[in-house]
Amino acid sequence: MESPLLVYTTFPDVDTALSVGEDLVRERMIACMNVLPGMRSVYAWKGSVERGAEAIAILKTRKSLQDQVLQALKSRHPYETPVILTIEPGADADTLAWLVGETTVPT
Protein backbone atom coordinates (compact mmCIF):
# COMPACT_ATOMS: atom_id res chain seq x y z
CA MET A 1 0.00 0.00 0.00
CA GLU A 2 1.27 3.48 -0.84
CA SER A 3 2.16 5.91 1.91
CA PRO A 4 2.77 9.67 1.80
CA LEU A 5 6.19 11.24 2.05
CA LEU A 6 7.19 14.81 2.83
CA VAL A 7 10.64 16.02 1.78
CA TYR A 8 12.10 19.08 3.49
CA THR A 9 14.92 21.09 1.97
CA THR A 10 16.07 24.70 1.65
CA PHE A 11 17.07 26.80 -1.35
CA PRO A 12 18.97 30.07 -1.67
CA ASP A 13 15.86 31.83 -2.99
CA VAL A 14 12.20 31.37 -3.90
CA ASP A 15 12.73 31.43 -7.67
CA THR A 16 15.21 28.55 -7.57
CA ALA A 17 12.91 26.52 -5.33
CA LEU A 18 9.89 27.13 -7.57
CA SER A 19 11.84 26.24 -10.70
CA VAL A 20 12.99 22.91 -9.24
CA GLY A 21 9.50 22.25 -7.87
CA GLU A 22 7.86 22.90 -11.21
CA ASP A 23 10.24 20.46 -12.92
CA LEU A 24 9.47 17.73 -10.39
CA VAL A 25 5.70 18.31 -10.63
CA ARG A 26 5.81 18.20 -14.44
CA GLU A 27 7.81 14.97 -14.25
CA ARG A 28 5.17 13.58 -11.86
CA MET A 29 7.71 12.85 -9.12
CA ILE A 30 5.93 15.12 -6.66
CA ALA A 31 2.34 16.31 -6.44
CA CYS A 32 3.16 19.66 -4.86
CA MET A 33 5.91 21.85 -3.44
CA ASN A 34 5.24 24.50 -0.80
CA VAL A 35 7.81 27.29 -0.68
CA LEU A 36 8.14 29.55 2.35
CA PRO A 37 10.33 32.61 1.76
CA GLY A 38 12.26 34.69 4.24
CA MET A 39 13.92 32.10 6.44
CA ARG A 40 17.14 33.13 8.16
CA SER A 41 19.61 30.34 8.88
CA VAL A 42 22.59 29.84 11.15
CA TYR A 43 24.53 26.70 10.31
CA ALA A 44 27.87 24.94 10.60
CA TRP A 45 29.72 24.58 7.32
CA LYS A 46 33.30 23.38 6.80
CA GLY A 47 34.46 24.35 10.26
CA SER A 48 32.78 27.73 10.60
CA VAL A 49 29.44 29.15 11.60
CA GLU A 50 27.58 30.79 8.74
CA ARG A 51 24.43 32.89 8.39
CA GLY A 52 22.22 33.19 5.36
CA ALA A 53 18.81 33.86 3.92
CA GLU A 54 16.97 30.89 2.44
CA ALA A 55 13.59 29.64 1.34
CA ILE A 56 12.09 26.48 2.84
CA ALA A 57 10.62 23.90 0.46
CA ILE A 58 8.33 21.06 1.45
CA LEU A 59 7.71 18.50 -1.29
CA LYS A 60 4.69 16.17 -1.21
CA THR A 61 5.08 12.76 -2.81
CA ARG A 62 4.78 9.07 -1.95
CA LYS A 63 7.22 6.73 -0.25
CA SER A 64 7.74 4.51 -3.30
CA LEU A 65 9.21 7.50 -5.18
CA GLN A 66 11.63 8.51 -2.42
CA ASP A 67 14.87 7.41 -4.11
CA GLN A 68 13.85 8.91 -7.46
CA VAL A 69 12.80 12.22 -5.89
CA LEU A 70 15.94 12.53 -3.77
CA GLN A 71 18.19 11.81 -6.76
CA ALA A 72 16.34 14.34 -8.94
CA LEU A 73 16.41 16.93 -6.16
CA LYS A 74 20.16 16.51 -5.58
CA SER A 75 20.93 16.74 -9.31
CA ARG A 76 19.02 20.04 -9.63
CA HIS A 77 19.96 21.61 -6.30
CA PRO A 78 22.40 24.53 -6.37
CA TYR A 79 23.98 23.72 -2.99
CA GLU A 80 27.11 21.58 -2.83
CA THR A 81 25.54 19.55 -0.02
CA PRO A 82 21.82 20.25 0.26
CA VAL A 83 20.06 19.23 3.45
CA ILE A 84 17.27 16.87 2.45
CA LEU A 85 15.12 15.38 5.21
CA THR A 86 12.17 13.02 4.82
CA ILE A 87 9.12 12.64 7.01
CA GLU A 88 6.59 9.83 6.69
CA PRO A 89 3.29 11.30 7.90
CA GLY A 90 -0.13 9.76 7.91
CA ALA A 91 -2.71 11.00 5.41
CA ASP A 92 -6.43 10.73 4.94
CA ALA A 93 -7.69 8.60 2.05
CA ASP A 94 -8.51 11.56 -0.22
CA THR A 95 -5.08 13.14 0.22
CA LEU A 96 -3.34 9.84 -0.43
CA ALA A 97 -5.46 9.24 -3.54
CA TRP A 98 -4.51 12.71 -4.82
CA LEU A 99 -0.79 12.09 -4.17
CA VAL A 100 -0.88 8.75 -5.96
CA GLY A 101 -2.91 10.12 -8.85
CA GLU A 102 -0.63 13.11 -9.44
CA THR A 103 2.56 11.06 -9.21
CA THR A 104 1.50 8.22 -11.47
CA VAL A 105 2.53 8.47 -15.11
CA PRO A 106 -0.55 7.96 -17.31
CA THR A 107 -0.38 4.92 -19.58
PDB file of N, CA and C in Angstrom:
ATOM      1  N   MET A   1       0.838  -1.183   0.000  1.00  0.00           N
ATOM      2  CA  MET A   1       0.000   0.000   0.000  1.00  0.00           C
ATOM      3  C   MET A   1       0.885   1.250   0.000  1.00  0.00           C
ATOM      4  N   GLU A   2       0.513   2.233  -0.761  1.00  0.00           N
ATOM      5  CA  GLU A   2       1.265   3.480  -0.841  1.00  0.00           C
ATOM      6  C   GLU A   2       1.147   4.267   0.462  1.00  0.00           C
ATOM      7  N   SER A   3       2.201   5.020   0.758  1.00  0.00           N
ATOM      8  CA  SER A   3       2.158   5.912   1.911  1.00  0.00           C
ATOM      9  C   SER A   3       2.731   7.263   1.497  1.00  0.00           C
ATOM     10  N   PRO A   4       2.285   8.338   2.153  1.00  0.00           N
ATOM     11  CA  PRO A   4       2.771   9.666   1.798  1.00  0.00           C
ATOM     12  C   PRO A   4       4.192   9.900   2.300  1.00  0.00           C
ATOM     13  N   LEU A   5       4.855  10.853   1.653  1.00  0.00           N
ATOM     14  CA  LEU A   5       6.194  11.238   2.049  1.00  0.00           C
ATOM     15  C   LEU A   5       6.328  12.748   1.886  1.00  0.00           C
ATOM     16  N   LEU A   6       6.844  13.399   2.914  1.00  0.00           N
ATOM     17  CA  LEU A   6       7.191  14.812   2.827  1.00  0.00           C
ATOM     18  C   LEU A   6       8.706  14.906   2.762  1.00  0.00           C
ATOM     19  N   VAL A   7       9.196  15.784   1.907  1.00  0.00           N
ATOM     20  CA  VAL A   7      10.636  16.016   1.776  1.00  0.00           C
ATOM     21  C   VAL A   7      10.880  17.483   2.100  1.00  0.00           C
ATOM     22  N   TYR A   8      11.748  17.732   3.055  1.00  0.00           N
ATOM     23  CA  TYR A   8      12.098  19.085   3.489  1.00  0.00           C
ATOM     24  C   TYR A   8      13.486  19.426   2.963  1.00  0.00           C
ATOM     25  N   THR A   9      13.611  20.595   2.373  1.00  0.00           N
ATOM     26  CA  THR A   9      14.917  21.093   1.970  1.00  0.00           C
ATOM     27  C   THR A   9      14.870  22.617   1.967  1.00  0.00           C
ATOM     28  N   THR A  10      16.012  23.242   1.760  1.00  0.00           N
ATOM     29  CA  THR A  10      16.071  24.695   1.651  1.00  0.00           C
ATOM     30  C   THR A  10      16.771  25.062   0.349  1.00  0.00           C
ATOM     31  N   PHE A  11      16.465  26.263  -0.132  1.00  0.00           N
ATOM     32  CA  PHE A  11      17.068  26.797  -1.346  1.00  0.00           C
ATOM     33  C   PHE A  11      17.568  28.207  -1.064  1.00  0.00           C
ATOM     34  N   PRO A  12      18.468  28.715  -1.906  1.00  0.00           N
ATOM     35  CA  PRO A  12      18.973  30.069  -1.673  1.00  0.00           C
ATOM     36  C   PRO A  12      17.935  31.154  -1.924  1.00  0.00           C
ATOM     37  N   ASP A  13      16.894  30.837  -2.705  1.00  0.00           N
ATOM     38  CA  ASP A  13      15.861  31.833  -2.995  1.00  0.00           C
ATOM     39  C   ASP A  13      14.591  31.147  -3.502  1.00  0.00           C
ATOM     40  N   VAL A  14      13.513  31.893  -3.504  1.00  0.00           N
ATOM     41  CA  VAL A  14      12.199  31.375  -3.904  1.00  0.00           C
ATOM     42  C   VAL A  14      12.183  30.950  -5.368  1.00  0.00           C
ATOM     43  N   ASP A  15      12.768  31.750  -6.244  1.00  0.00           N
ATOM     44  CA  ASP A  15      12.727  31.429  -7.675  1.00  0.00           C
ATOM     45  C   ASP A  15      13.398  30.095  -7.988  1.00  0.00           C
ATOM     46  N   THR A  16      14.526  29.828  -7.361  1.00  0.00           N
ATOM     47  CA  THR A  16      15.210  28.551  -7.570  1.00  0.00           C
ATOM     48  C   THR A  16      14.345  27.401  -7.072  1.00  0.00           C
ATOM     49  N   ALA A  17      13.775  27.559  -5.894  1.00  0.00           N
ATOM     50  CA  ALA A  17      12.911  26.524  -5.333  1.00  0.00           C
ATOM     51  C   ALA A  17      11.723  26.247  -6.250  1.00  0.00           C
ATOM     52  N   LEU A  18      11.061  27.301  -6.709  1.00  0.00           N
ATOM     53  CA  LEU A  18       9.888  27.127  -7.572  1.00  0.00           C
ATOM     54  C   LEU A  18      10.254  26.488  -8.905  1.00  0.00           C
ATOM     55  N   SER A  19      11.394  26.827  -9.446  1.00  0.00           N
ATOM     56  CA  SER A  19      11.838  26.235 -10.704  1.00  0.00           C
ATOM     57  C   SER A  19      12.061  24.729 -10.554  1.00  0.00           C
ATOM     58  N   VAL A  20      12.765  24.328  -9.495  1.00  0.00           N
ATOM     59  CA  VAL A  20      12.986  22.907  -9.240  1.00  0.00           C
ATOM     60  C   VAL A  20      11.653  22.211  -8.977  1.00  0.00           C
ATOM     61  N   GLY A  21      10.804  22.838  -8.166  1.00  0.00           N
ATOM     62  CA  GLY A  21       9.500  22.246  -7.866  1.00  0.00           C
ATOM     63  C   GLY A  21       8.658  22.051  -9.107  1.00  0.00           C
ATOM     64  N   GLU A  22       8.645  23.036  -9.984  1.00  0.00           N
ATOM     65  CA  GLU A  22       7.857  22.903 -11.210  1.00  0.00           C
ATOM     66  C   GLU A  22       8.363  21.745 -12.068  1.00  0.00           C
ATOM     67  N   ASP A  23       9.688  21.599 -12.176  1.00  0.00           N
ATOM     68  CA  ASP A  23      10.240  20.460 -12.918  1.00  0.00           C
ATOM     69  C   ASP A  23       9.764  19.137 -12.343  1.00  0.00           C
ATOM     70  N   LEU A  24       9.829  19.007 -11.025  1.00  0.00           N
ATOM     71  CA  LEU A  24       9.466  17.733 -10.394  1.00  0.00           C
ATOM     72  C   LEU A  24       7.969  17.453 -10.487  1.00  0.00           C
ATOM     73  N   VAL A  25       7.148  18.496 -10.440  1.00  0.00           N
ATOM     74  CA  VAL A  25       5.700  18.307 -10.626  1.00  0.00           C
ATOM     75  C   VAL A  25       5.424  17.873 -12.064  1.00  0.00           C
ATOM     76  N   ARG A  26       6.027  18.553 -13.028  1.00  0.00           N
ATOM     77  CA  ARG A  26       5.809  18.205 -14.441  1.00  0.00           C
ATOM     78  C   ARG A  26       6.262  16.773 -14.746  1.00  0.00           C
ATOM     79  N   GLU A  27       7.311  16.332 -14.059  1.00  0.00           N
ATOM     80  CA  GLU A  27       7.808  14.969 -14.252  1.00  0.00           C
ATOM     81  C   GLU A  27       7.054  13.946 -13.398  1.00  0.00           C
ATOM     82  N   ARG A  28       6.053  14.409 -12.673  1.00  0.00           N
ATOM     83  CA  ARG A  28       5.166  13.580 -11.861  1.00  0.00           C
ATOM     84  C   ARG A  28       5.900  12.838 -10.732  1.00  0.00           C
ATOM     85  N   MET A  29       7.003  13.418 -10.264  1.00  0.00           N
ATOM     86  CA  MET A  29       7.707  12.848  -9.121  1.00  0.00           C
ATOM     87  C   MET A  29       7.125  13.341  -7.809  1.00  0.00           C
ATOM     88  N   ILE A  30       6.595  14.575  -7.828  1.00  0.00           N
ATOM     89  CA  ILE A  30       5.929  15.124  -6.656  1.00  0.00           C
ATOM     90  C   ILE A  30       4.573  15.669  -7.087  1.00  0.00           C
ATOM     91  N   ALA A  31       3.654  15.743  -6.149  1.00  0.00           N
ATOM     92  CA  ALA A  31       2.338  16.310  -6.442  1.00  0.00           C
ATOM     93  C   ALA A  31       2.316  17.802  -6.175  1.00  0.00           C
ATOM     94  N   CYS A  32       3.210  18.268  -5.297  1.00  0.00           N
ATOM     95  CA  CYS A  32       3.163  19.665  -4.864  1.00  0.00           C
ATOM     96  C   CYS A  32       4.467  20.022  -4.175  1.00  0.00           C
ATOM     97  N   MET A  33       4.819  21.318  -4.250  1.00  0.00           N
ATOM     98  CA  MET A  33       5.908  21.848  -3.435  1.00  0.00           C
ATOM     99  C   MET A  33       5.411  23.147  -2.815  1.00  0.00           C
ATOM    100  N   ASN A  34       5.532  23.253  -1.507  1.00  0.00           N
ATOM    101  CA  ASN A  34       5.237  24.503  -0.803  1.00  0.00           C
ATOM    102  C   ASN A  34       6.555  25.216  -0.550  1.00  0.00           C
ATOM    103  N   VAL A  35       6.592  26.501  -0.864  1.00  0.00           N
ATOM    104  CA  VAL A  35       7.808  27.291  -0.680  1.00  0.00           C
ATOM    105  C   VAL A  35       7.506  28.421   0.289  1.00  0.00           C
ATOM    106  N   LEU A  36       8.296  28.513   1.329  1.00  0.00           N
ATOM    107  CA  LEU A  36       8.143  29.547   2.349  1.00  0.00           C
ATOM    108  C   LEU A  36       9.363  30.459   2.295  1.00  0.00           C
ATOM    109  N   PRO A  37       9.192  31.701   1.877  1.00  0.00           N
ATOM    110  CA  PRO A  37      10.326  32.614   1.758  1.00  0.00           C
ATOM    111  C   PRO A  37      10.722  33.223   3.103  1.00  0.00           C
ATOM    112  N   GLY A  38      11.876  33.857   3.106  1.00  0.00           N
ATOM    113  CA  GLY A  38      12.260  34.692   4.236  1.00  0.00           C
ATOM    114  C   GLY A  38      12.854  34.002   5.436  1.00  0.00           C
ATOM    115  N   MET A  39      13.313  32.777   5.310  1.00  0.00           N
ATOM    116  CA  MET A  39      13.918  32.098   6.440  1.00  0.00           C
ATOM    117  C   MET A  39      15.355  32.588   6.611  1.00  0.00           C
ATOM    118  N   ARG A  40      15.753  32.801   7.836  1.00  0.00           N
ATOM    119  CA  ARG A  40      17.138  33.130   8.159  1.00  0.00           C
ATOM    120  C   ARG A  40      17.760  31.902   8.813  1.00  0.00           C
ATOM    121  N   SER A  41      18.958  31.548   8.389  1.00  0.00           N
ATOM    122  CA  SER A  41      19.612  30.345   8.880  1.00  0.00           C
ATOM    123  C   SER A  41      20.948  30.655   9.529  1.00  0.00           C
ATOM    124  N   VAL A  42      21.267  29.885  10.543  1.00  0.00           N
ATOM    125  CA  VAL A  42      22.593  29.841  11.148  1.00  0.00           C
ATOM    126  C   VAL A  42      22.998  28.380  11.093  1.00  0.00           C
ATOM    127  N   TYR A  43      24.165  28.092  10.506  1.00  0.00           N
ATOM    128  CA  TYR A  43      24.528  26.697  10.307  1.00  0.00           C
ATOM    129  C   TYR A  43      26.044  26.518  10.316  1.00  0.00           C
ATOM    130  N   ALA A  44      26.460  25.298  10.638  1.00  0.00           N
ATOM    131  CA  ALA A  44      27.871  24.941  10.604  1.00  0.00           C
ATOM    132  C   ALA A  44      28.208  24.464   9.196  1.00  0.00           C
ATOM    133  N   TRP A  45      29.304  24.991   8.655  1.00  0.00           N
ATOM    134  CA  TRP A  45      29.720  24.580   7.319  1.00  0.00           C
ATOM    135  C   TRP A  45      31.238  24.655   7.211  1.00  0.00           C
ATOM    136  N   LYS A  46      31.849  23.489   7.010  1.00  0.00           N
ATOM    137  CA  LYS A  46      33.298  23.383   6.800  1.00  0.00           C
ATOM    138  C   LYS A  46      34.096  24.095   7.886  1.00  0.00           C
ATOM    139  N   GLY A  47      33.704  23.853   9.128  1.00  0.00           N
ATOM    140  CA  GLY A  47      34.456  24.354  10.264  1.00  0.00           C
ATOM    141  C   GLY A  47      34.123  25.752  10.735  1.00  0.00           C
ATOM    142  N   SER A  48      33.166  26.419  10.112  1.00  0.00           N
ATOM    143  CA  SER A  48      32.776  27.735  10.602  1.00  0.00           C
ATOM    144  C   SER A  48      31.269  27.854  10.719  1.00  0.00           C
ATOM    145  N   VAL A  49      30.863  28.882  11.420  1.00  0.00           N
ATOM    146  CA  VAL A  49      29.443  29.155  11.603  1.00  0.00           C
ATOM    147  C   VAL A  49      29.046  30.217  10.593  1.00  0.00           C
ATOM    148  N   GLU A  50      28.039  29.908   9.816  1.00  0.00           N
ATOM    149  CA  GLU A  50      27.583  30.790   8.738  1.00  0.00           C
ATOM    150  C   GLU A  50      26.166  31.284   9.019  1.00  0.00           C
ATOM    151  N   ARG A  51      25.797  32.377   8.365  1.00  0.00           N
ATOM    152  CA  ARG A  51      24.428  32.886   8.390  1.00  0.00           C
ATOM    153  C   ARG A  51      23.992  33.108   6.951  1.00  0.00           C
ATOM    154  N   GLY A  52      22.706  32.938   6.707  1.00  0.00           N
ATOM    155  CA  GLY A  52      22.222  33.186   5.361  1.00  0.00           C
ATOM    156  C   GLY A  52      20.714  33.300   5.315  1.00  0.00           C
ATOM    157  N   ALA A  53      20.246  33.795   4.196  1.00  0.00           N
ATOM    158  CA  ALA A  53      18.807  33.863   3.919  1.00  0.00           C
ATOM    159  C   ALA A  53      18.471  32.710   2.981  1.00  0.00           C
ATOM    160  N   GLU A  54      17.370  32.037   3.250  1.00  0.00           N
ATOM    161  CA  GLU A  54      16.971  30.892   2.441  1.00  0.00           C
ATOM    162  C   GLU A  54      15.450  30.858   2.301  1.00  0.00           C
ATOM    163  N   ALA A  55      15.007  29.945   1.468  1.00  0.00           N
ATOM    164  CA  ALA A  55      13.587  29.635   1.338  1.00  0.00           C
ATOM    165  C   ALA A  55      13.408  28.156   1.679  1.00  0.00           C
ATOM    166  N   ILE A  56      12.410  27.861   2.478  1.00  0.00           N
ATOM    167  CA  ILE A  56      12.091  26.481   2.844  1.00  0.00           C
ATOM    168  C   ILE A  56      11.235  25.883   1.734  1.00  0.00           C
ATOM    169  N   ALA A  57      11.471  24.614   1.407  1.00  0.00           N
ATOM    170  CA  ALA A  57      10.624  23.902   0.459  1.00  0.00           C
ATOM    171  C   ALA A  57      10.186  22.584   1.082  1.00  0.00           C
ATOM    172  N   ILE A  58       8.892  22.313   0.981  1.00  0.00           N
ATOM    173  CA  ILE A  58       8.329  21.056   1.446  1.00  0.00           C
ATOM    174  C   ILE A  58       7.681  20.394   0.233  1.00  0.00           C
ATOM    175  N   LEU A  59       8.189  19.231  -0.124  1.00  0.00           N
ATOM    176  CA  LEU A  59       7.707  18.502  -1.285  1.00  0.00           C
ATOM    177  C   LEU A  59       6.771  17.399  -0.824  1.00  0.00           C
ATOM    178  N   LYS A  60       5.668  17.207  -1.548  1.00  0.00           N
ATOM    179  CA  LYS A  60       4.691  16.173  -1.209  1.00  0.00           C
ATOM    180  C   LYS A  60       4.721  15.104  -2.298  1.00  0.00           C
ATOM    181  N   THR A  61       5.006  13.878  -1.872  1.00  0.00           N
ATOM    182  CA  THR A  61       5.077  12.760  -2.807  1.00  0.00           C
ATOM    183  C   THR A  61       4.663  11.493  -2.081  1.00  0.00           C
ATOM    184  N   ARG A  62       5.086  10.347  -2.608  1.00  0.00           N
ATOM    185  CA  ARG A  62       4.777   9.072  -1.953  1.00  0.00           C
ATOM    186  C   ARG A  62       6.064   8.290  -1.714  1.00  0.00           C
ATOM    187  N   LYS A  63       6.037   7.460  -0.717  1.00  0.00           N
ATOM    188  CA  LYS A  63       7.221   6.733  -0.249  1.00  0.00           C
ATOM    189  C   LYS A  63       7.900   5.946  -1.367  1.00  0.00           C
ATOM    190  N   SER A  64       7.136   5.336  -2.252  1.00  0.00           N
ATOM    191  CA  SER A  64       7.739   4.508  -3.299  1.00  0.00           C
ATOM    192  C   SER A  64       8.584   5.325  -4.284  1.00  0.00           C
ATOM    193  N   LEU A  65       8.424   6.642  -4.297  1.00  0.00           N
ATOM    194  CA  LEU A  65       9.212   7.499  -5.184  1.00  0.00           C
ATOM    195  C   LEU A  65      10.383   8.174  -4.471  1.00  0.00           C
ATOM    196  N   GLN A  66      10.620   7.817  -3.217  1.00  0.00           N
ATOM    197  CA  GLN A  66      11.632   8.505  -2.418  1.00  0.00           C
ATOM    198  C   GLN A  66      12.991   8.547  -3.096  1.00  0.00           C
ATOM    199  N   ASP A  67      13.533   7.428  -3.519  1.00  0.00           N
ATOM    200  CA  ASP A  67      14.871   7.415  -4.114  1.00  0.00           C
ATOM    201  C   ASP A  67      14.921   8.258  -5.382  1.00  0.00           C
ATOM    202  N   GLN A  68      13.916   8.147  -6.216  1.00  0.00           N
ATOM    203  CA  GLN A  68      13.845   8.908  -7.465  1.00  0.00           C
ATOM    204  C   GLN A  68      13.772  10.409  -7.185  1.00  0.00           C
ATOM    205  N   VAL A  69      12.946  10.804  -6.233  1.00  0.00           N
ATOM    206  CA  VAL A  69      12.801  12.222  -5.894  1.00  0.00           C
ATOM    207  C   VAL A  69      14.100  12.772  -5.299  1.00  0.00           C
ATOM    208  N   LEU A  70      14.714  12.038  -4.391  1.00  0.00           N
ATOM    209  CA  LEU A  70      15.945  12.526  -3.768  1.00  0.00           C
ATOM    210  C   LEU A  70      17.069  12.670  -4.798  1.00  0.00           C
ATOM    211  N   GLN A  71      17.177  11.721  -5.704  1.00  0.00           N
ATOM    212  CA  GLN A  71      18.194  11.806  -6.757  1.00  0.00           C
ATOM    213  C   GLN A  71      17.938  13.009  -7.665  1.00  0.00           C
ATOM    214  N   ALA A  72      16.688  13.203  -8.073  1.00  0.00           N
ATOM    215  CA  ALA A  72      16.341  14.337  -8.936  1.00  0.00           C
ATOM    216  C   ALA A  72      16.566  15.660  -8.213  1.00  0.00           C
ATOM    217  N   LEU A  73      16.227  15.713  -6.947  1.00  0.00           N
ATOM    218  CA  LEU A  73      16.412  16.934  -6.163  1.00  0.00           C
ATOM    219  C   LEU A  73      17.899  17.267  -6.034  1.00  0.00           C
ATOM    220  N   LYS A  74      18.716  16.281  -5.711  1.00  0.00           N
ATOM    221  CA  LYS A  74      20.161  16.512  -5.584  1.00  0.00           C
ATOM    222  C   LYS A  74      20.782  16.968  -6.904  1.00  0.00           C
ATOM    223  N   SER A  75      20.331  16.387  -8.010  1.00  0.00           N
ATOM    224  CA  SER A  75      20.932  16.739  -9.305  1.00  0.00           C
ATOM    225  C   SER A  75      20.569  18.150  -9.750  1.00  0.00           C
ATOM    226  N   ARG A  76      19.458  18.702  -9.244  1.00  0.00           N
ATOM    227  CA  ARG A  76      19.024  20.038  -9.631  1.00  0.00           C
ATOM    228  C   ARG A  76      19.351  21.111  -8.581  1.00  0.00           C
ATOM    229  N   HIS A  77      19.768  20.684  -7.420  1.00  0.00           N
ATOM    230  CA  HIS A  77      19.957  21.606  -6.298  1.00  0.00           C
ATOM    231  C   HIS A  77      21.239  22.404  -6.465  1.00  0.00           C
ATOM    232  N   PRO A  78      21.196  23.715  -6.204  1.00  0.00           N
ATOM    233  CA  PRO A  78      22.402  24.533  -6.374  1.00  0.00           C
ATOM    234  C   PRO A  78      23.422  24.397  -5.242  1.00  0.00           C
ATOM    235  N   TYR A  79      23.030  23.842  -4.103  1.00  0.00           N
ATOM    236  CA  TYR A  79      23.976  23.722  -2.991  1.00  0.00           C
ATOM    237  C   TYR A  79      24.904  22.530  -3.211  1.00  0.00           C
ATOM    238  N   GLU A  80      26.135  22.674  -2.758  1.00  0.00           N
ATOM    239  CA  GLU A  80      27.106  21.578  -2.828  1.00  0.00           C
ATOM    240  C   GLU A  80      26.602  20.367  -2.044  1.00  0.00           C
ATOM    241  N   THR A  81      26.084  20.611  -0.864  1.00  0.00           N
ATOM    242  CA  THR A  81      25.544  19.554  -0.019  1.00  0.00           C
ATOM    243  C   THR A  81      24.194  20.006   0.528  1.00  0.00           C
ATOM    244  N   PRO A  82      23.128  19.820  -0.238  1.00  0.00           N
ATOM    245  CA  PRO A  82      21.821  20.253   0.265  1.00  0.00           C
ATOM    246  C   PRO A  82      21.359  19.376   1.424  1.00  0.00           C
ATOM    247  N   VAL A  83      20.698  19.997   2.385  1.00  0.00           N
ATOM    248  CA  VAL A  83      20.057  19.234   3.451  1.00  0.00           C
ATOM    249  C   VAL A  83      18.715  18.762   2.918  1.00  0.00           C
ATOM    250  N   ILE A  84      18.522  17.457   2.929  1.00  0.00           N
ATOM    251  CA  ILE A  84      17.273  16.869   2.451  1.00  0.00           C
ATOM    252  C   ILE A  84      16.809  15.898   3.538  1.00  0.00           C
ATOM    253  N   LEU A  85      15.670  16.204   4.135  1.00  0.00           N
ATOM    254  CA  LEU A  85      15.115  15.377   5.211  1.00  0.00           C
ATOM    255  C   LEU A  85      13.766  14.826   4.760  1.00  0.00           C
ATOM    256  N   THR A  86      13.463  13.607   5.169  1.00  0.00           N
ATOM    257  CA  THR A  86      12.171  13.022   4.825  1.00  0.00           C
ATOM    258  C   THR A  86      11.359  12.743   6.081  1.00  0.00           C
ATOM    259  N   ILE A  87      10.067  12.887   5.930  1.00  0.00           N
ATOM    260  CA  ILE A  87       9.115  12.640   7.009  1.00  0.00           C
ATOM    261  C   ILE A  87       8.012  11.764   6.428  1.00  0.00           C
ATOM    262  N   GLU A  88       7.653  10.722   7.141  1.00  0.00           N
ATOM    263  CA  GLU A  88       6.587   9.825   6.687  1.00  0.00           C
ATOM    264  C   GLU A  88       5.337  10.052   7.544  1.00  0.00           C
ATOM    265  N   PRO A  89       4.493  11.001   7.124  1.00  0.00           N
ATOM    266  CA  PRO A  89       3.290  11.305   7.902  1.00  0.00           C
ATOM    267  C   PRO A  89       2.156  10.356   7.538  1.00  0.00           C
ATOM    268  N   GLY A  90       1.106  10.403   8.311  1.00  0.00           N
ATOM    269  CA  GLY A  90      -0.134   9.761   7.913  1.00  0.00           C
ATOM    270  C   GLY A  90      -0.864  10.690   6.957  1.00  0.00           C
ATOM    271  N   ALA A  91      -1.892  10.170   6.307  1.00  0.00           N
ATOM    272  CA  ALA A  91      -2.706  10.999   5.412  1.00  0.00           C
ATOM    273  C   ALA A  91      -4.097  10.397   5.327  1.00  0.00           C
ATOM    274  N   ASP A  92      -5.087  11.275   5.132  1.00  0.00           N
ATOM    275  CA  ASP A  92      -6.429  10.732   4.940  1.00  0.00           C
ATOM    276  C   ASP A  92      -6.529  10.138   3.534  1.00  0.00           C
ATOM    277  N   ALA A  93      -7.543   9.355   3.293  1.00  0.00           N
ATOM    278  CA  ALA A  93      -7.686   8.600   2.046  1.00  0.00           C
ATOM    279  C   ALA A  93      -7.731   9.512   0.826  1.00  0.00           C
ATOM    280  N   ASP A  94      -8.418  10.652   0.920  1.00  0.00           N
ATOM    281  CA  ASP A  94      -8.512  11.562  -0.222  1.00  0.00           C
ATOM    282  C   ASP A  94      -7.159  12.189  -0.556  1.00  0.00           C
ATOM    283  N   THR A  95      -6.409  12.565   0.457  1.00  0.00           N
ATOM    284  CA  THR A  95      -5.084  13.135   0.220  1.00  0.00           C
ATOM    285  C   THR A  95      -4.158  12.102  -0.406  1.00  0.00           C
ATOM    286  N   LEU A  96      -4.185  10.895   0.108  1.00  0.00           N
ATOM    287  CA  LEU A  96      -3.341   9.837  -0.433  1.00  0.00           C
ATOM    288  C   LEU A  96      -3.721   9.527  -1.876  1.00  0.00           C
ATOM    289  N   ALA A  97      -5.009   9.486  -2.163  1.00  0.00           N
ATOM    290  CA  ALA A  97      -5.461   9.237  -3.541  1.00  0.00           C
ATOM    291  C   ALA A  97      -4.965  10.337  -4.475  1.00  0.00           C
ATOM    292  N   TRP A  98      -5.005  11.588  -4.020  1.00  0.00           N
ATOM    293  CA  TRP A  98      -4.507  12.711  -4.815  1.00  0.00           C
ATOM    294  C   TRP A  98      -3.011  12.563  -5.074  1.00  0.00           C
ATOM    295  N   LEU A  99      -2.237  12.268  -4.012  1.00  0.00           N
ATOM    296  CA  LEU A  99      -0.795  12.094  -4.169  1.00  0.00           C
ATOM    297  C   LEU A  99      -0.468  11.000  -5.180  1.00  0.00           C
ATOM    298  N   VAL A 100      -1.123   9.860  -5.050  1.00  0.00           N
ATOM    299  CA  VAL A 100      -0.875   8.749  -5.960  1.00  0.00           C
ATOM    300  C   VAL A 100      -1.278   9.122  -7.378  1.00  0.00           C
ATOM    301  N   GLY A 101      -2.440   9.739  -7.520  1.00  0.00           N
ATOM    302  CA  GLY A 101      -2.910  10.118  -8.849  1.00  0.00           C
ATOM    303  C   GLY A 101      -1.999  11.105  -9.548  1.00  0.00           C
ATOM    304  N   GLU A 102      -1.470  12.069  -8.820  1.00  0.00           N
ATOM    305  CA  GLU A 102      -0.631  13.107  -9.435  1.00  0.00           C
ATOM    306  C   GLU A 102       0.809  12.671  -9.648  1.00  0.00           C
ATOM    307  N   THR A 103       1.192  11.551  -9.046  1.00  0.00           N
ATOM    308  CA  THR A 103       2.564  11.063  -9.214  1.00  0.00           C
ATOM    309  C   THR A 103       2.613   9.746  -9.963  1.00  0.00           C
ATOM    310  N   THR A 104       1.551   9.415 -10.634  1.00  0.00           N
ATOM    311  CA  THR A 104       1.499   8.222 -11.471  1.00  0.00           C
ATOM    312  C   THR A 104       1.532   8.669 -12.928  1.00  0.00           C
ATOM    313  N   VAL A 105       2.439   8.120 -13.702  1.00  0.00           N
ATOM    314  CA  VAL A 105       2.530   8.467 -15.111  1.00  0.00           C
ATOM    315  C   VAL A 105       1.402   7.774 -15.855  1.00  0.00           C
ATOM    316  N   PRO A 106       0.571   8.564 -16.577  1.00  0.00           N
ATOM    317  CA  PRO A 106      -0.552   7.957 -17.309  1.00  0.00           C
ATOM    318  C   PRO A 106      -0.030   6.978 -18.375  1.00  0.00           C
ATOM    319  N   THR A 107      -0.778   5.919 -18.567  1.00  0.00           N
ATOM    320  CA  THR A 107      -0.378   4.922 -19.583  1.00  0.00           C
ATOM    321  C   THR A 107      -1.133   5.133 -20.875  1.00  0.00           C
TER     322      THR A 107
END
